Amino acid sequence: MNGRVDESLRALVDIAIRRTEAEAPTVVTAWIDMAFNGLLIAPQELIERLGLHQEAATEAILADGSRVTLESFACHIEWFGEMVRVQVIGNTGKLPPLGTELLKKRKLLIDYEAGVVSIS
């Protein structure tokens, strides 16, 4: 899987996300967030557009120490030729952060000079 580094130095990759395995995918650009050890976070607008079903709500402590309630939703992503069911956390951001949980069995290369991202 290949991606790019943007002008804000974010490592970006395109992922195909869908509500069910049978539905047509929506391709979104996600940024690789090395500080997020989960799977995926998505803007609430995307969650609503795809019609994702809420699965759970959980308390979390943010980096600044504040407590929040996070809602998670079920979706499927295409990941290296396989359909993977993941829980996505809803937020108000623009780009979905992709967490390190999806990278744990992969090799990530970010070449800032060339502006290239590679996951293998």
Protein backbone atom coordinates (compact mmCIF):
# COMPACT_ATOMS: atom_id res chain seq x y z
CA MET A 1 0.00 0.00 0.00
CA ASN A 2 1.41 3.36 -0.98
CA GLY A 3 0.61 6.85 0.16
CA ARG A 4 2.09 10.30 0.39
CA VAL A 5 3.33 12.94 2.79
CA ASP A 6 1.29 16.16 2.65
CA GLU A 7 2.38 19.78 3.14
CA SER A 8 1.68 19.44 6.90
CA LEU A 9 4.07 16.43 7.01
CA ARG A 10 1.24 13.96 7.68
CA ALA A 11 1.68 10.43 6.32
CA LEU A 12 -1.49 9.76 4.29
CA VAL A 13 -2.95 6.59 2.75
CA ASP A 14 -6.24 5.92 0.99
CA ILE A 15 -8.44 3.23 2.52
CA ALA A 16 -11.70 1.69 1.35
CA ILE A 17 -14.35 1.68 4.06
CA ARG A 18 -17.88 0.27 3.97
CA ARG A 19 -20.76 -0.51 6.32
CA THR A 20 -21.04 -4.17 5.31
CA GLU A 21 -18.82 -6.47 3.28
CA ALA A 22 -21.36 -6.53 0.44
CA GLU A 23 -21.65 -2.76 -0.02
CA ALA A 24 -19.63 -0.63 -2.40
CA PRO A 25 -16.64 1.00 -0.68
CA THR A 26 -16.08 4.66 0.00
CA VAL A 27 -12.42 5.57 -0.40
CA VAL A 28 -11.15 8.03 2.20
CA THR A 29 -7.74 9.49 2.92
CA ALA A 30 -6.50 8.61 6.40
CA TRP A 31 -3.43 9.90 8.20
CA ILE A 32 -1.21 7.50 10.08
CA ASP A 33 -1.26 8.53 13.73
CA MET A 34 1.64 6.92 15.56
CA ALA A 35 0.28 8.20 18.90
CA PHE A 36 -3.06 6.35 18.45
CA ASN A 37 -2.85 2.65 19.28
CA GLY A 38 -6.39 1.85 18.15
CA LEU A 39 -7.72 0.99 14.72
CA LEU A 40 -9.47 3.93 13.11
CA ILE A 41 -11.14 7.22 13.99
CA ALA A 42 -13.62 8.76 11.55
CA PRO A 43 -15.42 12.06 11.27
CA GLN A 44 -19.04 11.87 12.45
CA GLU A 45 -20.14 13.11 9.00
CA LEU A 46 -18.56 10.03 7.36
CA ILE A 47 -20.10 7.71 9.95
CA GLU A 48 -23.54 9.17 9.25
CA ARG A 49 -23.06 9.12 5.45
CA LEU A 50 -22.11 5.41 5.55
CA GLY A 51 -24.92 4.60 8.01
CA LEU A 52 -22.60 2.84 10.46
CA HIS A 53 -24.24 1.22 13.48
CA GLN A 54 -23.10 2.17 16.96
CA GLU A 55 -21.66 -0.76 18.88
CA ALA A 56 -20.45 0.70 22.15
CA ALA A 57 -19.56 3.77 24.15
CA THR A 58 -16.54 3.90 26.43
CA GLU A 59 -14.81 6.37 28.71
CA ALA A 60 -11.35 7.50 27.66
CA ILE A 61 -8.68 9.79 29.05
CA LEU A 62 -7.15 12.17 26.52
CA ALA A 63 -3.52 13.32 26.43
CA ASP A 64 -4.47 16.50 28.33
CA GLY A 65 -5.98 14.40 31.14
CA SER A 66 -9.61 15.20 30.32
CA ARG A 67 -12.20 12.43 30.30
CA VAL A 68 -14.52 11.90 27.35
CA THR A 69 -17.07 9.35 26.21
CA LEU A 70 -16.20 7.80 22.85
CA GLU A 71 -18.76 6.09 20.66
CA SER A 72 -17.60 3.23 18.46
CA PHE A 73 -19.21 1.98 15.26
CA ALA A 74 -18.83 -1.19 13.18
CA CYS A 75 -17.41 -1.02 9.67
CA HIS A 76 -15.30 -3.01 7.23
CA ILE A 77 -12.10 -1.93 5.52
CA GLU A 78 -10.10 -3.50 2.75
CA TRP A 79 -6.68 -4.19 4.22
CA PHE A 80 -4.04 -5.93 2.09
CA GLY A 81 -6.54 -7.93 0.07
CA GLU A 82 -8.71 -8.93 3.02
CA MET A 83 -11.98 -7.53 4.33
CA VAL A 84 -11.38 -6.63 7.99
CA ARG A 85 -14.16 -5.76 10.44
CA VAL A 86 -13.07 -2.90 12.66
CA GLN A 87 -14.52 -0.62 15.28
CA VAL A 88 -14.21 3.01 14.31
CA ILE A 89 -14.40 5.79 16.88
CA GLY A 90 -16.40 8.88 15.93
CA ASN A 91 -14.95 12.38 16.20
CA THR A 92 -15.28 15.86 14.72
CA GLY A 93 -12.02 15.92 12.72
CA LYS A 94 -11.60 16.16 8.95
CA LEU A 95 -9.14 13.31 8.22
CA PRO A 96 -9.59 9.89 9.81
CA PRO A 97 -6.55 8.88 11.91
CA LEU A 98 -5.41 5.32 11.26
CA GLY A 99 -3.95 3.75 14.40
CA THR A 100 -1.00 1.51 15.02
CA GLU A 101 -3.18 -1.54 15.76
CA LEU A 102 -3.59 -1.95 11.99
CA LEU A 103 0.16 -1.63 11.50
CA LYS A 104 1.36 -4.17 14.08
CA LYS A 105 2.07 -6.91 11.50
CA ARG A 106 3.24 -4.49 8.81
CA LYS A 107 6.31 -2.52 7.87
CA LEU A 108 5.83 1.25 7.62
CA LEU A 109 8.23 3.45 5.67
CA ILE A 110 7.81 7.23 5.57
CA ASP A 111 10.27 9.02 3.29
CA TYR A 112 9.74 12.69 4.06
CA GLU A 113 12.32 13.84 1.54
CA ALA A 114 10.60 12.01 -1.34
CA GLY A 115 7.09 12.56 0.09
CA VAL A 116 6.32 8.82 -0.08
CA VAL A 117 4.60 6.46 2.36
CA SER A 118 4.75 2.68 2.03
CA ILE A 119 3.06 0.00 4.15
CA SER A 120 3.95 -3.61 3.43
